[in-house]
Amino acid sequence: MPVHAALDDHLSDEAVKVGNHRTKKGAVTAALKEYVQIRKQREILELVGKVDYDDYEPKRLRDRKAR
């Protein structure tokens, strides 16, 4: 699906150069991928300290089952 967006020429040219991309489309695609990845990482980091879990100790679990 084509998207027409007005981009800052200086910024997009710099992104192509810095990212070693061949086209502006490549630079924009890479930028969007990084943006999505960072947002997903933030969601995971927000869970730190909120999720309780038991340490997985298979030997202890086996001993408990034998009783």
PDB file of N, CA and C in Angstrom:
ATOM      1  N   MET A   1       0.846  -1.161   0.000  1.00  0.00           N
ATOM      2  CA  MET A   1       0.000   0.000   0.000  1.00  0.00           C
ATOM      3  C   MET A   1       0.902   1.238   0.000  1.00  0.00           C
ATOM      4  N   PRO A   2       0.830   2.012  -1.037  1.00  0.00           N
ATOM      5  CA  PRO A   2       1.683   3.204  -1.111  1.00  0.00           C
ATOM      6  C   PRO A   2       1.291   4.248  -0.069  1.00  0.00           C
ATOM      7  N   VAL A   3       2.296   4.859   0.499  1.00  0.00           N
ATOM      8  CA  VAL A   3       2.077   5.933   1.467  1.00  0.00           C
ATOM      9  C   VAL A   3       2.862   7.147   0.972  1.00  0.00           C
ATOM     10  N   HIS A   4       2.186   8.249   0.899  1.00  0.00           N
ATOM     11  CA  HIS A   4       2.850   9.478   0.480  1.00  0.00           C
ATOM     12  C   HIS A   4       3.010  10.344   1.716  1.00  0.00           C
ATOM     13  N   ALA A   5       4.243  10.634   2.041  1.00  0.00           N
ATOM     14  CA  ALA A   5       4.517  11.440   3.229  1.00  0.00           C
ATOM     15  C   ALA A   5       5.532  12.512   2.892  1.00  0.00           C
ATOM     16  N   ALA A   6       5.321  13.658   3.474  1.00  0.00           N
ATOM     17  CA  ALA A   6       6.280  14.747   3.294  1.00  0.00           C
ATOM     18  C   ALA A   6       7.389  14.566   4.315  1.00  0.00           C
ATOM     19  N   LEU A   7       8.580  14.301   3.822  1.00  0.00           N
ATOM     20  CA  LEU A   7       9.725  14.087   4.701  1.00  0.00           C
ATOM     21  C   LEU A   7      10.679  15.259   4.598  1.00  0.00           C
ATOM     22  N   ASP A   8      11.366  15.516   5.669  1.00  0.00           N
ATOM     23  CA  ASP A   8      12.414  16.523   5.682  1.00  0.00           C
ATOM     24  C   ASP A   8      13.552  15.984   4.805  1.00  0.00           C
ATOM     25  N   ASP A   9      13.830  16.656   3.698  1.00  0.00           N
ATOM     26  CA  ASP A   9      14.845  16.172   2.760  1.00  0.00           C
ATOM     27  C   ASP A   9      16.216  16.023   3.405  1.00  0.00           C
ATOM     28  N   HIS A  10      16.607  17.017   4.202  1.00  0.00           N
ATOM     29  CA  HIS A  10      17.919  16.956   4.850  1.00  0.00           C
ATOM     30  C   HIS A  10      17.999  15.749   5.784  1.00  0.00           C
ATOM     31  N   LEU A  11      16.944  15.551   6.567  1.00  0.00           N
ATOM     32  CA  LEU A  11      16.930  14.446   7.530  1.00  0.00           C
ATOM     33  C   LEU A  11      16.903  13.101   6.824  1.00  0.00           C
ATOM     34  N   SER A  12      16.083  12.961   5.792  1.00  0.00           N
ATOM     35  CA  SER A  12      16.012  11.684   5.086  1.00  0.00           C
ATOM     36  C   SER A  12      17.319  11.393   4.342  1.00  0.00           C
ATOM     37  N   ASP A  13      17.942  12.422   3.756  1.00  0.00           N
ATOM     38  CA  ASP A  13      19.233  12.209   3.094  1.00  0.00           C
ATOM     39  C   ASP A  13      20.301  11.777   4.107  1.00  0.00           C
ATOM     40  N   GLU A  14      20.269  12.379   5.284  1.00  0.00           N
ATOM     41  CA  GLU A  14      21.222  12.011   6.323  1.00  0.00           C
ATOM     42  C   GLU A  14      20.981  10.576   6.802  1.00  0.00           C
ATOM     43  N   ALA A  15      19.708  10.193   6.920  1.00  0.00           N
ATOM     44  CA  ALA A  15      19.381   8.823   7.342  1.00  0.00           C
ATOM     45  C   ALA A  15      19.874   7.808   6.325  1.00  0.00           C
ATOM     46  N   VAL A  16      19.740   8.127   5.046  1.00  0.00           N
ATOM     47  CA  VAL A  16      20.232   7.240   3.990  1.00  0.00           C
ATOM     48  C   VAL A  16      21.746   7.094   4.112  1.00  0.00           C
ATOM     49  N   LYS A  17      22.410   8.206   4.330  1.00  0.00           N
ATOM     50  CA  LYS A  17      23.872   8.208   4.407  1.00  0.00           C
ATOM     51  C   LYS A  17      24.372   7.484   5.664  1.00  0.00           C
ATOM     52  N   VAL A  18      23.828   7.854   6.813  1.00  0.00           N
ATOM     53  CA  VAL A  18      24.271   7.281   8.091  1.00  0.00           C
ATOM     54  C   VAL A  18      23.949   5.788   8.174  1.00  0.00           C
ATOM     55  N   GLY A  19      22.777   5.421   7.673  1.00  0.00           N
ATOM     56  CA  GLY A  19      22.362   4.023   7.736  1.00  0.00           C
ATOM     57  C   GLY A  19      22.904   3.175   6.614  1.00  0.00           C
ATOM     58  N   ASN A  20      23.651   3.821   5.709  1.00  0.00           N
ATOM     59  CA  ASN A  20      24.226   3.114   4.568  1.00  0.00           C
ATOM     60  C   ASN A  20      23.143   2.423   3.734  1.00  0.00           C
ATOM     61  N   HIS A  21      22.043   3.141   3.531  1.00  0.00           N
ATOM     62  CA  HIS A  21      20.936   2.620   2.729  1.00  0.00           C
ATOM     63  C   HIS A  21      21.086   3.121   1.302  1.00  0.00           C
ATOM     64  N   ARG A  22      20.498   2.380   0.377  1.00  0.00           N
ATOM     65  CA  ARG A  22      20.574   2.783  -1.026  1.00  0.00           C
ATOM     66  C   ARG A  22      19.480   3.777  -1.394  1.00  0.00           C
ATOM     67  N   THR A  23      18.351   3.700  -0.675  1.00  0.00           N
ATOM     68  CA  THR A  23      17.215   4.556  -1.007  1.00  0.00           C
ATOM     69  C   THR A  23      16.599   5.158   0.248  1.00  0.00           C
ATOM     70  N   LYS A  24      15.780   6.186   0.032  1.00  0.00           N
ATOM     71  CA  LYS A  24      15.044   6.776   1.151  1.00  0.00           C
ATOM     72  C   LYS A  24      14.044   5.768   1.696  1.00  0.00           C
ATOM     73  N   LYS A  25      13.454   4.981   0.811  1.00  0.00           N
ATOM     74  CA  LYS A  25      12.505   3.959   1.245  1.00  0.00           C
ATOM     75  C   LYS A  25      13.196   2.973   2.194  1.00  0.00           C
ATOM     76  N   GLY A  26      14.414   2.570   1.878  1.00  0.00           N
ATOM     77  CA  GLY A  26      15.162   1.658   2.744  1.00  0.00           C
ATOM     78  C   GLY A  26      15.429   2.274   4.104  1.00  0.00           C
ATOM     79  N   ALA A  27      15.758   3.554   4.109  1.00  0.00           N
ATOM     80  CA  ALA A  27      16.036   4.244   5.373  1.00  0.00           C
ATOM     81  C   ALA A  27      14.765   4.351   6.214  1.00  0.00           C
ATOM     82  N   VAL A  28      13.652   4.684   5.577  1.00  0.00           N
ATOM     83  CA  VAL A  28      12.383   4.820   6.302  1.00  0.00           C
ATOM     84  C   VAL A  28      11.938   3.469   6.843  1.00  0.00           C
ATOM     85  N   THR A  29      12.071   2.426   6.041  1.00  0.00           N
ATOM     86  CA  THR A  29      11.693   1.079   6.485  1.00  0.00           C
ATOM     87  C   THR A  29      12.529   0.650   7.688  1.00  0.00           C
ATOM     88  N   ALA A  30      13.833   0.881   7.625  1.00  0.00           N
ATOM     89  CA  ALA A  30      14.712   0.529   8.743  1.00  0.00           C
ATOM     90  C   ALA A  30      14.340   1.326   9.988  1.00  0.00           C
ATOM     91  N   ALA A  31      14.043   2.601   9.805  1.00  0.00           N
ATOM     92  CA  ALA A  31      13.667   3.446  10.941  1.00  0.00           C
ATOM     93  C   ALA A  31      12.376   2.954  11.583  1.00  0.00           C
ATOM     94  N   LEU A  32      11.414   2.574  10.774  1.00  0.00           N
ATOM     95  CA  LEU A  32      10.147   2.067  11.320  1.00  0.00           C
ATOM     96  C   LEU A  32      10.348   0.749  12.061  1.00  0.00           C
ATOM     97  N   LYS A  33      11.192  -0.114  11.538  1.00  0.00           N
ATOM     98  CA  LYS A  33      11.485  -1.384  12.215  1.00  0.00           C
ATOM     99  C   LYS A  33      12.121  -1.125  13.581  1.00  0.00           C
ATOM    100  N   GLU A  34      13.073  -0.203  13.623  1.00  0.00           N
ATOM    101  CA  GLU A  34      13.723   0.130  14.890  1.00  0.00           C
ATOM    102  C   GLU A  34      12.712   0.725  15.864  1.00  0.00           C
ATOM    103  N   TYR A  35      11.833   1.572  15.374  1.00  0.00           N
ATOM    104  CA  TYR A  35      10.810   2.205  16.213  1.00  0.00           C
ATOM    105  C   TYR A  35       9.908   1.153  16.850  1.00  0.00           C
ATOM    106  N   VAL A  36       9.442   0.205  16.039  1.00  0.00           N
ATOM    107  CA  VAL A  36       8.572  -0.851  16.549  1.00  0.00           C
ATOM    108  C   VAL A  36       9.315  -1.708  17.564  1.00  0.00           C
ATOM    109  N   GLN A  37      10.560  -2.062  17.274  1.00  0.00           N
ATOM    110  CA  GLN A  37      11.361  -2.886  18.183  1.00  0.00           C
ATOM    111  C   GLN A  37      11.544  -2.195  19.530  1.00  0.00           C
ATOM    112  N   ILE A  38      11.852  -0.919  19.504  1.00  0.00           N
ATOM    113  CA  ILE A  38      12.065  -0.164  20.746  1.00  0.00           C
ATOM    114  C   ILE A  38      10.773  -0.096  21.552  1.00  0.00           C
ATOM    115  N   ARG A  39       9.647   0.126  20.887  1.00  0.00           N
ATOM    116  CA  ARG A  39       8.364   0.184  21.600  1.00  0.00           C
ATOM    117  C   ARG A  39       8.025  -1.150  22.258  1.00  0.00           C
ATOM    118  N   LYS A  40       8.309  -2.242  21.560  1.00  0.00           N
ATOM    119  CA  LYS A  40       8.058  -3.572  22.137  1.00  0.00           C
ATOM    120  C   LYS A  40       8.966  -3.815  23.343  1.00  0.00           C
ATOM    121  N   GLN A  41      10.216  -3.375  23.251  1.00  0.00           N
ATOM    122  CA  GLN A  41      11.140  -3.530  24.371  1.00  0.00           C
ATOM    123  C   GLN A  41      10.660  -2.732  25.576  1.00  0.00           C
ATOM    124  N   ARG A  42      10.137  -1.544  25.339  1.00  0.00           N
ATOM    125  CA  ARG A  42       9.606  -0.733  26.442  1.00  0.00           C
ATOM    126  C   ARG A  42       8.455  -1.434  27.132  1.00  0.00           C
ATOM    127  N   GLU A  43       7.573  -2.078  26.348  1.00  0.00           N
ATOM    128  CA  GLU A  43       6.457  -2.809  26.941  1.00  0.00           C
ATOM    129  C   GLU A  43       6.963  -3.925  27.849  1.00  0.00           C
ATOM    130  N   ILE A  44       7.994  -4.614  27.403  1.00  0.00           N
ATOM    131  CA  ILE A  44       8.561  -5.696  28.207  1.00  0.00           C
ATOM    132  C   ILE A  44       9.207  -5.137  29.471  1.00  0.00           C
ATOM    133  N   LEU A  45       9.939  -4.050  29.333  1.00  0.00           N
ATOM    134  CA  LEU A  45      10.610  -3.449  30.486  1.00  0.00           C
ATOM    135  C   LEU A  45       9.618  -2.941  31.525  1.00  0.00           C
ATOM    136  N   GLU A  46       8.431  -2.547  31.086  1.00  0.00           N
ATOM    137  CA  GLU A  46       7.412  -2.093  32.030  1.00  0.00           C
ATOM    138  C   GLU A  46       6.928  -3.231  32.928  1.00  0.00           C
ATOM    139  N   LEU A  47       7.147  -4.468  32.503  1.00  0.00           N
ATOM    140  CA  LEU A  47       6.726  -5.626  33.291  1.00  0.00           C
ATOM    141  C   LEU A  47       7.727  -6.002  34.378  1.00  0.00           C
ATOM    142  N   VAL A  48       8.918  -5.426  34.314  1.00  0.00           N
ATOM    143  CA  VAL A  48       9.954  -5.747  35.302  1.00  0.00           C
ATOM    144  C   VAL A  48       9.428  -5.400  36.696  1.00  0.00           C
ATOM    145  N   GLY A  49       9.472  -6.366  37.576  1.00  0.00           N
ATOM    146  CA  GLY A  49       9.024  -6.174  38.946  1.00  0.00           C
ATOM    147  C   GLY A  49       7.540  -6.422  39.136  1.00  0.00           C
ATOM    148  N   LYS A  50       6.802  -6.603  38.042  1.00  0.00           N
ATOM    149  CA  LYS A  50       5.360  -6.812  38.135  1.00  0.00           C
ATOM    150  C   LYS A  50       4.980  -8.277  37.990  1.00  0.00           C
ATOM    151  N   VAL A  51       5.876  -9.064  37.446  1.00  0.00           N
ATOM    152  CA  VAL A  51       5.592 -10.467  37.200  1.00  0.00           C
ATOM    153  C   VAL A  51       6.312 -11.307  38.245  1.00  0.00           C
ATOM    154  N   ASP A  52       5.553 -12.095  38.983  1.00  0.00           N
ATOM    155  CA  ASP A  52       6.148 -13.007  39.954  1.00  0.00           C
ATOM    156  C   ASP A  52       6.307 -14.376  39.303  1.00  0.00           C
ATOM    157  N   TYR A  53       7.411 -15.000  39.554  1.00  0.00           N
ATOM    158  CA  TYR A  53       7.625 -16.341  39.045  1.00  0.00           C
ATOM    159  C   TYR A  53       8.448 -17.115  40.057  1.00  0.00           C
ATOM    160  N   ASP A  54       8.240 -18.415  40.043  1.00  0.00           N
ATOM    161  CA  ASP A  54       9.031 -19.292  40.889  1.00  0.00           C
ATOM    162  C   ASP A  54      10.270 -19.694  40.116  1.00  0.00           C
ATOM    163  N   ASP A  55      11.373 -19.805  40.813  1.00  0.00           N
ATOM    164  CA  ASP A  55      12.583 -20.281  40.155  1.00  0.00           C
ATOM    165  C   ASP A  55      12.342 -21.708  39.698  1.00  0.00           C
ATOM    166  N   TYR A  56      12.713 -22.005  38.503  1.00  0.00           N
ATOM    167  CA  TYR A  56      12.522 -23.331  37.940  1.00  0.00           C
ATOM    168  C   TYR A  56      13.658 -24.222  38.395  1.00  0.00           C
ATOM    169  N   GLU A  57      13.333 -25.156  39.250  1.00  0.00           N
ATOM    170  CA  GLU A  57      14.313 -26.109  39.751  1.00  0.00           C
ATOM    171  C   GLU A  57      13.779 -27.514  39.499  1.00  0.00           C
ATOM    172  N   PRO A  58      14.119 -28.106  38.362  1.00  0.00           N
ATOM    173  CA  PRO A  58      13.541 -29.404  38.004  1.00  0.00           C
ATOM    174  C   PRO A  58      13.857 -30.508  39.009  1.00  0.00           C
ATOM    175  N   LYS A  59      15.037 -30.493  39.604  1.00  0.00           N
ATOM    176  CA  LYS A  59      15.390 -31.541  40.557  1.00  0.00           C
ATOM    177  C   LYS A  59      14.466 -31.471  41.776  1.00  0.00           C
ATOM    178  N   ARG A  60      14.221 -30.268  42.268  1.00  0.00           N
ATOM    179  CA  ARG A  60      13.329 -30.092  43.415  1.00  0.00           C
ATOM    180  C   ARG A  60      11.904 -30.535  43.054  1.00  0.00           C
ATOM    181  N   LEU A  61      11.488 -30.235  41.843  1.00  0.00           N
ATOM    182  CA  LEU A  61      10.153 -30.634  41.413  1.00  0.00           C
ATOM    183  C   LEU A  61      10.035 -32.151  41.293  1.00  0.00           C
ATOM    184  N   ARG A  62      11.085 -32.795  40.801  1.00  0.00           N
ATOM    185  CA  ARG A  62      11.064 -34.269  40.692  1.00  0.00           C
ATOM    186  C   ARG A  62      10.966 -34.882  42.084  1.00  0.00           C
ATOM    187  N   ASP A  63      11.733 -34.355  43.047  1.00  0.00           N
ATOM    188  CA  ASP A  63      11.702 -34.886  44.407  1.00  0.00           C
ATOM    189  C   ASP A  63      10.313 -34.753  45.012  1.00  0.00           C
ATOM    190  N   ARG A  64       9.638 -33.669  44.698  1.00  0.00           N
ATOM    191  CA  ARG A  64       8.313 -33.432  45.253  1.00  0.00           C
ATOM    192  C   ARG A  64       7.303 -34.408  44.658  1.00  0.00           C
ATOM    193  N   LYS A  65       7.439 -34.753  43.395  1.00  0.00           N
ATOM    194  CA  LYS A  65       6.514 -35.656  42.746  1.00  0.00           C
ATOM    195  C   LYS A  65       6.664 -37.089  43.275  1.00  0.00           C
ATOM    196  N   ALA A  66       7.855 -37.458  43.687  1.00  0.00           N
ATOM    197  CA  ALA A  66       8.120 -38.830  44.136  1.00  0.00           C
ATOM    198  C   ALA A  66       7.435 -39.136  45.461  1.00  0.00           C
ATOM    199  N   ARG A  67       7.110 -38.135  46.224  1.00  0.00           N
ATOM    200  CA  ARG A  67       6.529 -38.363  47.545  1.00  0.00           C
ATOM    201  C   ARG A  67       5.121 -38.772  47.499  1.00  0.00           C
TER     202      ARG A  67
END
